[in-house]
Amino acid sequence: MKSFTLSDYPYIQLNQLLKLLNLAETGGEANLMITEGKVKVNGTVELQKRKKLYPGDKVDFNGEIIVIAPE
């Protein structure tokens, strides 16, 4: 399980998170993985590329869980 700490902003978009954590090489690749249903947020398949993630949210991608943590 990984933790991603939000700083300066109250949320991060799902596609930005995948790119920042190098789970996707490009924003386009992140968007494709999301629209193909390969990403879950809080246990539910998420198809919104720009889904806002807040502290406490859990992202499940490729067997890895990322928890959004407050600053």
PDB file of N, CA and C in Angstrom:
ATOM      1  N   MET A   1       0.841  -1.175   0.000  1.00  0.00           N
ATOM      2  CA  MET A   1       0.000   0.000   0.000  1.00  0.00           C
ATOM      3  C   MET A   1       0.890   1.243   0.000  1.00  0.00           C
ATOM      4  N   LYS A   2       0.555   2.173  -0.876  1.00  0.00           N
ATOM      5  CA  LYS A   2       1.277   3.439  -0.967  1.00  0.00           C
ATOM      6  C   LYS A   2       0.400   4.548  -0.408  1.00  0.00           C
ATOM      7  N   SER A   3       1.038   5.627  -0.047  1.00  0.00           N
ATOM      8  CA  SER A   3       0.314   6.795   0.424  1.00  0.00           C
ATOM      9  C   SER A   3       0.724   7.987  -0.432  1.00  0.00           C
ATOM     10  N   PHE A   4      -0.252   8.787  -0.827  1.00  0.00           N
ATOM     11  CA  PHE A   4       0.024  10.005  -1.572  1.00  0.00           C
ATOM     12  C   PHE A   4      -0.487  11.167  -0.735  1.00  0.00           C
ATOM     13  N   THR A   5       0.396  12.076  -0.372  1.00  0.00           N
ATOM     14  CA  THR A   5       0.037  13.201   0.479  1.00  0.00           C
ATOM     15  C   THR A   5      -0.321  14.416  -0.355  1.00  0.00           C
ATOM     16  N   LEU A   6      -1.514  14.937  -0.121  1.00  0.00           N
ATOM     17  CA  LEU A   6      -1.949  16.163  -0.793  1.00  0.00           C
ATOM     18  C   LEU A   6      -1.277  17.354  -0.135  1.00  0.00           C
ATOM     19  N   SER A   7      -0.790  18.263  -0.943  1.00  0.00           N
ATOM     20  CA  SER A   7      -0.243  19.501  -0.398  1.00  0.00           C
ATOM     21  C   SER A   7      -0.651  20.641  -1.315  1.00  0.00           C
ATOM     22  N   ASP A   8      -0.992  21.755  -0.741  1.00  0.00           N
ATOM     23  CA  ASP A   8      -1.370  22.971  -1.461  1.00  0.00           C
ATOM     24  C   ASP A   8      -2.765  22.938  -2.099  1.00  0.00           C
ATOM     25  N   TYR A   9      -3.336  21.744  -2.315  1.00  0.00           N
ATOM     26  CA  TYR A   9      -4.641  21.643  -2.951  1.00  0.00           C
ATOM     27  C   TYR A   9      -5.527  20.694  -2.143  1.00  0.00           C
ATOM     28  N   PRO A  10      -6.844  20.905  -2.179  1.00  0.00           N
ATOM     29  CA  PRO A  10      -7.730  20.033  -1.404  1.00  0.00           C
ATOM     30  C   PRO A  10      -7.971  18.669  -2.057  1.00  0.00           C
ATOM     31  N   TYR A  11      -7.632  18.529  -3.350  1.00  0.00           N
ATOM     32  CA  TYR A  11      -7.862  17.262  -4.065  1.00  0.00           C
ATOM     33  C   TYR A  11      -6.858  17.115  -5.198  1.00  0.00           C
ATOM     34  N   ILE A  12      -6.832  15.903  -5.783  1.00  0.00           N
ATOM     35  CA  ILE A  12      -6.057  15.655  -6.997  1.00  0.00           C
ATOM     36  C   ILE A  12      -6.947  14.850  -7.938  1.00  0.00           C
ATOM     37  N   GLN A  13      -6.795  15.083  -9.221  1.00  0.00           N
ATOM     38  CA  GLN A  13      -7.582  14.343 -10.194  1.00  0.00           C
ATOM     39  C   GLN A  13      -6.966  12.957 -10.401  1.00  0.00           C
ATOM     40  N   LEU A  14      -7.827  11.984 -10.648  1.00  0.00           N
ATOM     41  CA  LEU A  14      -7.393  10.596 -10.791  1.00  0.00           C
ATOM     42  C   LEU A  14      -6.326  10.419 -11.858  1.00  0.00           C
ATOM     43  N   ASN A  15      -6.526  10.993 -13.034  1.00  0.00           N
ATOM     44  CA  ASN A  15      -5.535  10.820 -14.107  1.00  0.00           C
ATOM     45  C   ASN A  15      -4.195  11.467 -13.740  1.00  0.00           C
ATOM     46  N   GLN A  16      -4.242  12.585 -13.019  1.00  0.00           N
ATOM     47  CA  GLN A  16      -2.998  13.232 -12.580  1.00  0.00           C
ATOM     48  C   GLN A  16      -2.256  12.356 -11.574  1.00  0.00           C
ATOM     49  N   LEU A  17      -2.987  11.720 -10.688  1.00  0.00           N
ATOM     50  CA  LEU A  17      -2.376  10.850  -9.683  1.00  0.00           C
ATOM     51  C   LEU A  17      -1.622   9.700 -10.346  1.00  0.00           C
ATOM     52  N   LEU A  18      -2.261   9.038 -11.309  1.00  0.00           N
ATOM     53  CA  LEU A  18      -1.609   7.909 -11.988  1.00  0.00           C
ATOM     54  C   LEU A  18      -0.325   8.345 -12.683  1.00  0.00           C
ATOM     55  N   LYS A  19      -0.353   9.520 -13.283  1.00  0.00           N
ATOM     56  CA  LYS A  19       0.835  10.024 -13.970  1.00  0.00           C
ATOM     57  C   LYS A  19       1.924  10.418 -12.965  1.00  0.00           C
ATOM     58  N   LEU A  20       1.557  11.124 -11.908  1.00  0.00           N
ATOM     59  CA  LEU A  20       2.542  11.563 -10.910  1.00  0.00           C
ATOM     60  C   LEU A  20       3.245  10.394 -10.220  1.00  0.00           C
ATOM     61  N   LEU A  21       2.517   9.307 -10.015  1.00  0.00           N
ATOM     62  CA  LEU A  21       3.109   8.142  -9.348  1.00  0.00           C
ATOM     63  C   LEU A  21       3.775   7.186 -10.335  1.00  0.00           C
ATOM     64  N   ASN A  22       3.889   7.613 -11.590  1.00  0.00           N
ATOM     65  CA  ASN A  22       4.514   6.814 -12.652  1.00  0.00           C
ATOM     66  C   ASN A  22       3.827   5.467 -12.863  1.00  0.00           C
ATOM     67  N   LEU A  23       2.515   5.429 -12.615  1.00  0.00           N
ATOM     68  CA  LEU A  23       1.739   4.228 -12.919  1.00  0.00           C
ATOM     69  C   LEU A  23       1.292   4.273 -14.376  1.00  0.00           C
ATOM     70  N   ALA A  24       1.366   5.449 -14.976  1.00  0.00           N
ATOM     71  CA  ALA A  24       1.112   5.656 -16.400  1.00  0.00           C
ATOM     72  C   ALA A  24       2.217   6.577 -16.910  1.00  0.00           C
ATOM     73  N   GLU A  25       2.706   6.291 -18.109  1.00  0.00           N
ATOM     74  CA  GLU A  25       3.801   7.094 -18.653  1.00  0.00           C
ATOM     75  C   GLU A  25       3.341   8.472 -19.120  1.00  0.00           C
ATOM     76  N   THR A  26       2.099   8.536 -19.605  1.00  0.00           N
ATOM     77  CA  THR A  26       1.574   9.803 -20.101  1.00  0.00           C
ATOM     78  C   THR A  26       0.157  10.009 -19.575  1.00  0.00           C
ATOM     79  N   GLY A  27      -0.325  11.239 -19.710  1.00  0.00           N
ATOM     80  CA  GLY A  27      -1.705  11.513 -19.331  1.00  0.00           C
ATOM     81  C   GLY A  27      -2.686  10.749 -20.194  1.00  0.00           C
ATOM     82  N   GLY A  28      -2.361  10.597 -21.469  1.00  0.00           N
ATOM     83  CA  GLY A  28      -3.219   9.841 -22.388  1.00  0.00           C
ATOM     84  C   GLY A  28      -3.324   8.382 -21.983  1.00  0.00           C
ATOM     85  N   GLU A  29      -2.206   7.813 -21.562  1.00  0.00           N
ATOM     86  CA  GLU A  29      -2.214   6.420 -21.118  1.00  0.00           C
ATOM     87  C   GLU A  29      -3.046   6.283 -19.840  1.00  0.00           C
ATOM     88  N   ALA A  30      -2.925   7.242 -18.940  1.00  0.00           N
ATOM     89  CA  ALA A  30      -3.725   7.226 -17.702  1.00  0.00           C
ATOM     90  C   ALA A  30      -5.214   7.284 -18.043  1.00  0.00           C
ATOM     91  N   ASN A  31      -5.579   8.177 -18.955  1.00  0.00           N
ATOM     92  CA  ASN A  31      -6.985   8.297 -19.363  1.00  0.00           C
ATOM     93  C   ASN A  31      -7.506   7.005 -19.965  1.00  0.00           C
ATOM     94  N   LEU A  32      -6.703   6.359 -20.782  1.00  0.00           N
ATOM     95  CA  LEU A  32      -7.106   5.108 -21.418  1.00  0.00           C
ATOM     96  C   LEU A  32      -7.335   4.011 -20.379  1.00  0.00           C
ATOM     97  N   MET A  33      -6.440   3.892 -19.420  1.00  0.00           N
ATOM     98  CA  MET A  33      -6.585   2.869 -18.378  1.00  0.00           C
ATOM     99  C   MET A  33      -7.861   3.097 -17.569  1.00  0.00           C
ATOM    100  N   ILE A  34      -8.163   4.369 -17.319  1.00  0.00           N
ATOM    101  CA  ILE A  34      -9.364   4.689 -16.551  1.00  0.00           C
ATOM    102  C   ILE A  34     -10.617   4.339 -17.352  1.00  0.00           C
ATOM    103  N   THR A  35     -10.680   4.763 -18.611  1.00  0.00           N
ATOM    104  CA  THR A  35     -11.879   4.508 -19.417  1.00  0.00           C
ATOM    105  C   THR A  35     -12.056   3.030 -19.742  1.00  0.00           C
ATOM    106  N   GLU A  36     -10.992   2.251 -19.670  1.00  0.00           N
ATOM    107  CA  GLU A  36     -11.088   0.801 -19.887  1.00  0.00           C
ATOM    108  C   GLU A  36     -11.531   0.065 -18.623  1.00  0.00           C
ATOM    109  N   GLY A  37     -11.740   0.805 -17.520  1.00  0.00           N
ATOM    110  CA  GLY A  37     -12.239   0.199 -16.293  1.00  0.00           C
ATOM    111  C   GLY A  37     -11.182  -0.522 -15.471  1.00  0.00           C
ATOM    112  N   LYS A  38      -9.933  -0.138 -15.627  1.00  0.00           N
ATOM    113  CA  LYS A  38      -8.835  -0.799 -14.917  1.00  0.00           C
ATOM    114  C   LYS A  38      -8.511  -0.170 -13.568  1.00  0.00           C
ATOM    115  N   VAL A  39      -9.246   0.880 -13.181  1.00  0.00           N
ATOM    116  CA  VAL A  39      -8.955   1.604 -11.944  1.00  0.00           C
ATOM    117  C   VAL A  39     -10.197   1.615 -11.060  1.00  0.00           C
ATOM    118  N   LYS A  40     -10.005   1.328  -9.785  1.00  0.00           N
ATOM    119  CA  LYS A  40     -11.096   1.407  -8.814  1.00  0.00           C
ATOM    120  C   LYS A  40     -10.800   2.519  -7.819  1.00  0.00           C
ATOM    121  N   VAL A  41     -11.850   3.215  -7.421  1.00  0.00           N
ATOM    122  CA  VAL A  41     -11.755   4.223  -6.369  1.00  0.00           C
ATOM    123  C   VAL A  41     -12.736   3.814  -5.280  1.00  0.00           C
ATOM    124  N   ASN A  42     -12.223   3.617  -4.089  1.00  0.00           N
ATOM    125  CA  ASN A  42     -13.035   3.191  -2.949  1.00  0.00           C
ATOM    126  C   ASN A  42     -13.829   1.922  -3.250  1.00  0.00           C
ATOM    127  N   GLY A  43     -13.185   0.997  -3.985  1.00  0.00           N
ATOM    128  CA  GLY A  43     -13.781  -0.304  -4.258  1.00  0.00           C
ATOM    129  C   GLY A  43     -14.713  -0.384  -5.451  1.00  0.00           C
ATOM    130  N   THR A  44     -14.922   0.725  -6.162  1.00  0.00           N
ATOM    131  CA  THR A  44     -15.823   0.765  -7.309  1.00  0.00           C
ATOM    132  C   THR A  44     -15.051   1.178  -8.555  1.00  0.00           C
ATOM    133  N   VAL A  45     -15.308   0.487  -9.668  1.00  0.00           N
ATOM    134  CA  VAL A  45     -14.657   0.858 -10.925  1.00  0.00           C
ATOM    135  C   VAL A  45     -15.010   2.307 -11.245  1.00  0.00           C
ATOM    136  N   GLU A  46     -13.981   3.086 -11.527  1.00  0.00           N
ATOM    137  CA  GLU A  46     -14.166   4.516 -11.797  1.00  0.00           C
ATOM    138  C   GLU A  46     -13.842   4.807 -13.258  1.00  0.00           C
ATOM    139  N   LEU A  47     -14.793   5.431 -13.971  1.00  0.00           N
ATOM    140  CA  LEU A  47     -14.600   5.742 -15.380  1.00  0.00           C
ATOM    141  C   LEU A  47     -14.381   7.234 -15.629  1.00  0.00           C
ATOM    142  N   GLN A  48     -14.485   8.053 -14.597  1.00  0.00           N
ATOM    143  CA  GLN A  48     -14.253   9.494 -14.740  1.00  0.00           C
ATOM    144  C   GLN A  48     -12.757   9.774 -14.689  1.00  0.00           C
ATOM    145  N   LYS A  49     -12.220  10.281 -15.778  1.00  0.00           N
ATOM    146  CA  LYS A  49     -10.788  10.553 -15.844  1.00  0.00           C
ATOM    147  C   LYS A  49     -10.349  11.606 -14.846  1.00  0.00           C
ATOM    148  N   ARG A  50     -11.190  12.593 -14.656  1.00  0.00           N
ATOM    149  CA  ARG A  50     -10.830  13.700 -13.769  1.00  0.00           C
ATOM    150  C   ARG A  50     -11.544  13.616 -12.421  1.00  0.00           C
ATOM    151  N   LYS A  51     -11.842  12.407 -11.993  1.00  0.00           N
ATOM    152  CA  LYS A  51     -12.476  12.197 -10.689  1.00  0.00           C
ATOM    153  C   LYS A  51     -11.626  12.861  -9.615  1.00  0.00           C
ATOM    154  N   LYS A  52     -12.244  13.688  -8.774  1.00  0.00           N
ATOM    155  CA  LYS A  52     -11.516  14.374  -7.710  1.00  0.00           C
ATOM    156  C   LYS A  52     -11.316  13.420  -6.540  1.00  0.00           C
ATOM    157  N   LEU A  53     -10.072  13.288  -6.128  1.00  0.00           N
ATOM    158  CA  LEU A  53      -9.724  12.420  -5.005  1.00  0.00           C
ATOM    159  C   LEU A  53      -9.369  13.281  -3.808  1.00  0.00           C
ATOM    160  N   TYR A  54      -9.950  12.928  -2.674  1.00  0.00           N
ATOM    161  CA  TYR A  54      -9.753  13.679  -1.437  1.00  0.00           C
ATOM    162  C   TYR A  54      -9.094  12.788  -0.390  1.00  0.00           C
ATOM    163  N   PRO A  55      -8.569  13.382   0.688  1.00  0.00           N
ATOM    164  CA  PRO A  55      -7.976  12.561   1.749  1.00  0.00           C
ATOM    165  C   PRO A  55      -8.949  11.472   2.213  1.00  0.00           C
ATOM    166  N   GLY A  56      -8.415  10.267   2.347  1.00  0.00           N
ATOM    167  CA  GLY A  56      -9.217   9.122   2.748  1.00  0.00           C
ATOM    168  C   GLY A  56      -9.622   8.240   1.587  1.00  0.00           C
ATOM    169  N   ASP A  57      -9.591   8.760   0.362  1.00  0.00           N
ATOM    170  CA  ASP A  57      -9.932   7.945  -0.804  1.00  0.00           C
ATOM    171  C   ASP A  57      -8.853   6.902  -1.042  1.00  0.00           C
ATOM    172  N   LYS A  58      -9.281   5.739  -1.565  1.00  0.00           N
ATOM    173  CA  LYS A  58      -8.347   4.657  -1.889  1.00  0.00           C
ATOM    174  C   LYS A  58      -8.476   4.319  -3.364  1.00  0.00           C
ATOM    175  N   VAL A  59      -7.338   4.286  -4.044  1.00  0.00           N
ATOM    176  CA  VAL A  59      -7.286   3.961  -5.464  1.00  0.00           C
ATOM    177  C   VAL A  59      -6.630   2.596  -5.602  1.00  0.00           C
ATOM    178  N   ASP A  60      -7.278   1.711  -6.341  1.00  0.00           N
ATOM    179  CA  ASP A  60      -6.774   0.360  -6.580  1.00  0.00           C
ATOM    180  C   ASP A  60      -6.471   0.246  -8.067  1.00  0.00           C
ATOM    181  N   PHE A  61      -5.200   0.064  -8.388  1.00  0.00           N
ATOM    182  CA  PHE A  61      -4.795  -0.060  -9.786  1.00  0.00           C
ATOM    183  C   PHE A  61      -3.698  -1.098  -9.906  1.00  0.00           C
ATOM    184  N   ASN A  62      -3.928  -2.073 -10.756  1.00  0.00           N
ATOM    185  CA  ASN A  62      -2.909  -3.079 -11.065  1.00  0.00           C
ATOM    186  C   ASN A  62      -2.391  -3.775  -9.806  1.00  0.00           C
ATOM    187  N   GLY A  63      -3.285  -4.054  -8.868  1.00  0.00           N
ATOM    188  CA  GLY A  63      -2.902  -4.751  -7.645  1.00  0.00           C
ATOM    189  C   GLY A  63      -2.255  -3.886  -6.595  1.00  0.00           C
ATOM    190  N   GLU A  64      -2.161  -2.598  -6.852  1.00  0.00           N
ATOM    191  CA  GLU A  64      -1.552  -1.674  -5.911  1.00  0.00           C
ATOM    192  C   GLU A  64      -2.619  -0.740  -5.352  1.00  0.00           C
ATOM    193  N   ILE A  65      -2.575  -0.486  -4.058  1.00  0.00           N
ATOM    194  CA  ILE A  65      -3.538   0.411  -3.430  1.00  0.00           C
ATOM    195  C   ILE A  65      -2.822   1.688  -3.003  1.00  0.00           C
ATOM    196  N   ILE A  66      -3.401   2.819  -3.405  1.00  0.00           N
ATOM    197  CA  ILE A  66      -2.845   4.123  -3.043  1.00  0.00           C
ATOM    198  C   ILE A  66      -3.884   4.828  -2.185  1.00  0.00           C
ATOM    199  N   VAL A  67      -3.464   5.269  -1.013  1.00  0.00           N
ATOM    200  CA  VAL A  67      -4.347   5.995  -0.109  1.00  0.00           C
ATOM    201  C   VAL A  67      -3.995   7.485  -0.185  1.00  0.00           C
ATOM    202  N   ILE A  68      -5.029   8.314  -0.363  1.00  0.00           N
ATOM    203  CA  ILE A  68      -4.822   9.753  -0.402  1.00  0.00           C
ATOM    204  C   ILE A  68      -4.797  10.239   1.049  1.00  0.00           C
ATOM    205  N   ALA A  69      -3.690  10.877   1.423  1.00  0.00           N
ATOM    206  CA  ALA A  69      -3.510  11.327   2.798  1.00  0.00           C
ATOM    207  C   ALA A  69      -3.537  12.850   2.864  1.00  0.00           C
ATOM    208  N   PRO A  70      -4.017  13.403   3.985  1.00  0.00           N
ATOM    209  CA  PRO A  70      -3.979  14.865   4.140  1.00  0.00           C
ATOM    210  C   PRO A  70      -2.555  15.338   4.391  1.00  0.00           C
ATOM    211  N   GLU A  71      -2.340  16.607   4.212  1.00  0.00           N
ATOM    212  CA  GLU A  71      -1.003  17.192   4.413  1.00  0.00           C
ATOM    213  C   GLU A  71      -0.562  17.074   5.844  1.00  0.00           C
TER     214      GLU A  71
END
